[in-house]
C-alpha cells in the first residue's frame, strides 16, 4: 500500500477544519487548549496576586467588590 505523505502543515490545517466542522469553533478551541503547556510561573504570579492573604480574606474582597454599585459609562 502506497500512501501520500502530506506536509505537516497541511495535516494540521485539515485537522483544524474537521474539528471546527464537528465541534464548532468554541469547543474546538477548548479541546485544543488542553494540550498546551501554558506559560509563566504560576507560583510567582499567585504570590504576587494573593501574597499571604487567607482564602477567607480573598473571598471577602470578592464579595465587597460585587456589592459595590457599578456606575454607568458616561
N, C-alpha and C. Protein backbone atom coordinates (compact mmCIF):
# COMPACT_ATOMS: atom_id res chain seq x y z
N UNK A 1 0.85 -1.18 0.00
CA UNK A 1 0.00 0.00 0.00
C UNK A 1 0.89 1.24 0.00
N UNK A 2 0.63 2.14 -0.91
CA UNK A 2 1.37 3.38 -1.03
C UNK A 2 0.46 4.51 -0.57
N UNK A 3 0.96 5.31 0.36
CA UNK A 3 0.20 6.46 0.83
C UNK A 3 0.99 7.73 0.56
N UNK A 4 0.26 8.76 0.27
CA UNK A 4 0.88 10.07 0.03
C UNK A 4 1.26 10.68 1.38
N UNK A 5 2.47 11.14 1.49
CA UNK A 5 2.92 11.81 2.71
C UNK A 5 2.69 13.30 2.52
N UNK A 6 1.76 13.82 3.32
CA UNK A 6 1.45 15.24 3.24
C UNK A 6 2.36 16.01 4.19
N UNK A 7 2.64 17.25 3.86
CA UNK A 7 3.37 18.10 4.80
C UNK A 7 2.55 18.27 6.07
N UNK A 8 3.23 18.38 7.19
CA UNK A 8 2.55 18.50 8.48
C UNK A 8 1.62 19.71 8.54
N UNK A 9 2.00 20.79 7.89
CA UNK A 9 1.14 21.98 7.91
C UNK A 9 -0.20 21.69 7.25
N UNK A 10 -0.22 20.90 6.20
CA UNK A 10 -1.48 20.53 5.55
C UNK A 10 -2.33 19.64 6.44
N UNK A 11 -1.69 18.71 7.12
CA UNK A 11 -2.42 17.83 8.03
C UNK A 11 -3.03 18.65 9.16
N UNK A 12 -2.27 19.60 9.70
CA UNK A 12 -2.79 20.45 10.78
C UNK A 12 -3.98 21.28 10.30
N UNK A 13 -3.89 21.84 9.11
CA UNK A 13 -4.99 22.64 8.57
C UNK A 13 -6.24 21.79 8.37
N UNK A 14 -6.06 20.59 7.83
CA UNK A 14 -7.19 19.69 7.62
C UNK A 14 -7.81 19.28 8.95
N UNK A 15 -6.98 18.98 9.93
CA UNK A 15 -7.47 18.58 11.24
C UNK A 15 -8.27 19.72 11.89
N UNK A 16 -7.76 20.94 11.80
CA UNK A 16 -8.48 22.08 12.36
C UNK A 16 -9.83 22.28 11.68
N UNK A 17 -9.85 22.17 10.36
CA UNK A 17 -11.13 22.30 9.64
C UNK A 17 -12.13 21.26 10.12
N UNK A 18 -11.67 20.02 10.28
CA UNK A 18 -12.56 18.96 10.74
C UNK A 18 -13.06 19.22 12.16
N UNK A 19 -12.15 19.65 13.03
CA UNK A 19 -12.56 19.96 14.40
C UNK A 19 -13.60 21.08 14.42
N UNK A 20 -13.36 22.14 13.65
CA UNK A 20 -14.30 23.26 13.60
C UNK A 20 -15.66 22.80 13.08
N UNK A 21 -15.65 21.96 12.06
CA UNK A 21 -16.91 21.49 11.47
C UNK A 21 -17.68 20.60 12.46
N UNK A 22 -16.98 19.73 13.13
CA UNK A 22 -17.64 18.76 14.01
C UNK A 22 -17.98 19.31 15.39
N UNK A 23 -17.11 20.15 15.93
CA UNK A 23 -17.29 20.64 17.29
C UNK A 23 -17.74 22.09 17.37
N UNK A 24 -17.53 22.84 16.30
CA UNK A 24 -17.73 24.28 16.36
C UNK A 24 -16.44 24.93 16.83
N UNK A 25 -16.28 26.19 16.54
CA UNK A 25 -15.03 26.88 16.84
C UNK A 25 -14.74 26.90 18.34
N UNK A 26 -15.74 27.25 19.15
CA UNK A 26 -15.52 27.40 20.59
C UNK A 26 -15.08 26.08 21.21
N UNK A 27 -15.80 25.01 20.92
CA UNK A 27 -15.45 23.72 21.52
C UNK A 27 -14.15 23.17 20.95
N UNK A 28 -13.86 23.46 19.69
CA UNK A 28 -12.59 23.02 19.12
C UNK A 28 -11.43 23.71 19.84
N UNK A 29 -11.57 25.00 20.09
CA UNK A 29 -10.52 25.73 20.82
C UNK A 29 -10.38 25.19 22.23
N UNK A 30 -11.50 24.93 22.89
CA UNK A 30 -11.45 24.35 24.25
C UNK A 30 -10.73 23.01 24.23
N UNK A 31 -11.01 22.20 23.22
CA UNK A 31 -10.35 20.90 23.08
C UNK A 31 -8.85 21.08 22.91
N UNK A 32 -8.45 21.98 22.04
CA UNK A 32 -7.03 22.19 21.76
C UNK A 32 -6.27 22.77 22.94
N UNK A 33 -6.94 23.60 23.73
CA UNK A 33 -6.27 24.24 24.87
C UNK A 33 -5.78 23.23 25.90
N UNK A 34 -6.41 22.08 25.98
CA UNK A 34 -5.98 21.11 26.98
C UNK A 34 -4.62 20.51 26.66
N UNK A 35 -4.12 20.73 25.45
CA UNK A 35 -2.83 20.17 25.05
C UNK A 35 -1.71 21.20 25.07
N UNK A 36 -2.01 22.43 25.48
CA UNK A 36 -0.97 23.45 25.55
C UNK A 36 -0.40 23.50 26.95
N UNK A 37 0.88 23.74 27.03
CA UNK A 37 1.57 23.76 28.31
C UNK A 37 1.37 25.06 29.07
N UNK A 38 0.96 26.10 28.38
CA UNK A 38 0.82 27.39 29.03
C UNK A 38 2.17 28.07 29.16
N UNK A 39 2.21 29.13 29.95
CA UNK A 39 3.45 29.87 30.11
C UNK A 39 3.43 30.58 31.45
N UNK A 40 4.56 31.08 31.84
CA UNK A 40 4.65 31.83 33.08
C UNK A 40 4.97 30.92 34.25
N UNK A 41 5.03 31.52 35.42
CA UNK A 41 5.32 30.81 36.66
C UNK A 41 4.16 31.05 37.61
N UNK A 42 3.26 30.07 37.69
CA UNK A 42 2.05 30.22 38.48
C UNK A 42 2.36 30.55 39.94
N UNK A 43 3.39 29.92 40.49
CA UNK A 43 3.71 30.15 41.90
C UNK A 43 4.06 31.61 42.15
N UNK A 44 4.89 32.20 41.29
CA UNK A 44 5.25 33.62 41.46
C UNK A 44 4.03 34.52 41.25
N UNK A 45 3.23 34.20 40.22
CA UNK A 45 2.05 35.01 39.94
C UNK A 45 1.06 34.93 41.10
N UNK A 46 0.87 33.74 41.65
CA UNK A 46 -0.05 33.56 42.78
C UNK A 46 0.41 34.37 43.98
N UNK A 47 1.71 34.32 44.25
CA UNK A 47 2.25 35.09 45.38
C UNK A 47 2.09 36.59 45.15
N UNK A 48 2.29 37.05 43.91
CA UNK A 48 2.13 38.47 43.60
C UNK A 48 0.67 38.90 43.74
N UNK A 49 -0.25 38.03 43.35
CA UNK A 49 -1.68 38.37 43.42
C UNK A 49 -2.23 38.29 44.83
N UNK A 50 -1.90 37.22 45.52
CA UNK A 50 -2.56 36.94 46.79
C UNK A 50 -1.68 37.09 48.02
N UNK A 51 -0.37 37.08 47.83
CA UNK A 51 0.54 37.23 48.97
C UNK A 51 0.24 36.23 50.06
N UNK A 52 0.13 36.74 51.27
CA UNK A 52 -0.12 35.88 52.44
C UNK A 52 -1.58 35.92 52.88
N UNK A 53 -2.46 36.46 52.02
CA UNK A 53 -3.87 36.53 52.40
C UNK A 53 -4.48 35.14 52.49
N UNK A 54 -5.41 35.00 53.39
CA UNK A 54 -6.11 33.73 53.54
C UNK A 54 -7.24 33.65 52.51
N UNK A 55 -7.77 32.46 52.35
CA UNK A 55 -8.89 32.27 51.44
C UNK A 55 -10.08 33.11 51.90
N UNK A 56 -10.33 33.16 53.20
CA UNK A 56 -11.43 33.97 53.72
C UNK A 56 -11.27 35.45 53.36
N UNK A 57 -10.04 35.95 53.43
CA UNK A 57 -9.78 37.36 53.08
C UNK A 57 -10.02 37.60 51.59
N UNK A 58 -9.62 36.66 50.78
CA UNK A 58 -9.81 36.80 49.33
C UNK A 58 -11.30 36.77 48.99
N UNK A 59 -12.03 35.84 49.61
CA UNK A 59 -13.47 35.74 49.37
C UNK A 59 -14.17 37.02 49.83
N UNK A 60 -13.78 37.55 50.96
CA UNK A 60 -14.38 38.79 51.46
C UNK A 60 -14.13 39.94 50.49
N UNK A 61 -12.93 39.99 49.94
CA UNK A 61 -12.63 41.05 48.97
C UNK A 61 -13.49 40.92 47.72
N UNK A 62 -13.68 39.70 47.25
CA UNK A 62 -14.53 39.47 46.07
C UNK A 62 -15.97 39.89 46.38
N UNK A 63 -16.46 39.50 47.55
CA UNK A 63 -17.84 39.86 47.92
C UNK A 63 -18.01 41.37 48.04
N UNK A 64 -17.00 42.06 48.59
CA UNK A 64 -17.05 43.52 48.70
C UNK A 64 -17.11 44.17 47.32
N UNK A 65 -16.32 43.66 46.39
CA UNK A 65 -16.32 44.23 45.04
C UNK A 65 -17.64 43.98 44.35
N UNK A 66 -18.23 42.83 44.56
CA UNK A 66 -19.53 42.53 43.95
C UNK A 66 -20.64 43.39 44.53
N UNK A 67 -20.50 43.77 45.79
CA UNK A 67 -21.54 44.55 46.47
C UNK A 67 -21.50 46.02 46.06
N UNK A 68 -20.38 46.48 45.52
CA UNK A 68 -20.28 47.89 45.12
C UNK A 68 -21.18 48.14 43.91
N UNK A 69 -21.89 49.26 43.94
CA UNK A 69 -22.72 49.58 42.76
C UNK A 69 -21.81 49.93 41.59
N UNK A 70 -22.19 49.47 40.44
CA UNK A 70 -21.43 49.80 39.26
C UNK A 70 -21.98 51.08 38.66
N UNK A 71 -21.08 51.94 38.22
CA UNK A 71 -21.53 53.19 37.62
C UNK A 71 -21.63 53.00 36.12
N UNK A 72 -22.66 53.60 35.57
CA UNK A 72 -22.88 53.52 34.12
C UNK A 72 -21.85 54.37 33.41
N UNK A 73 -21.35 53.89 32.26
CA UNK A 73 -20.39 54.71 31.49
C UNK A 73 -21.03 56.00 31.01
N UNK A 74 -20.25 57.05 31.00
CA UNK A 74 -20.76 58.34 30.55
C UNK A 74 -20.27 58.67 29.17
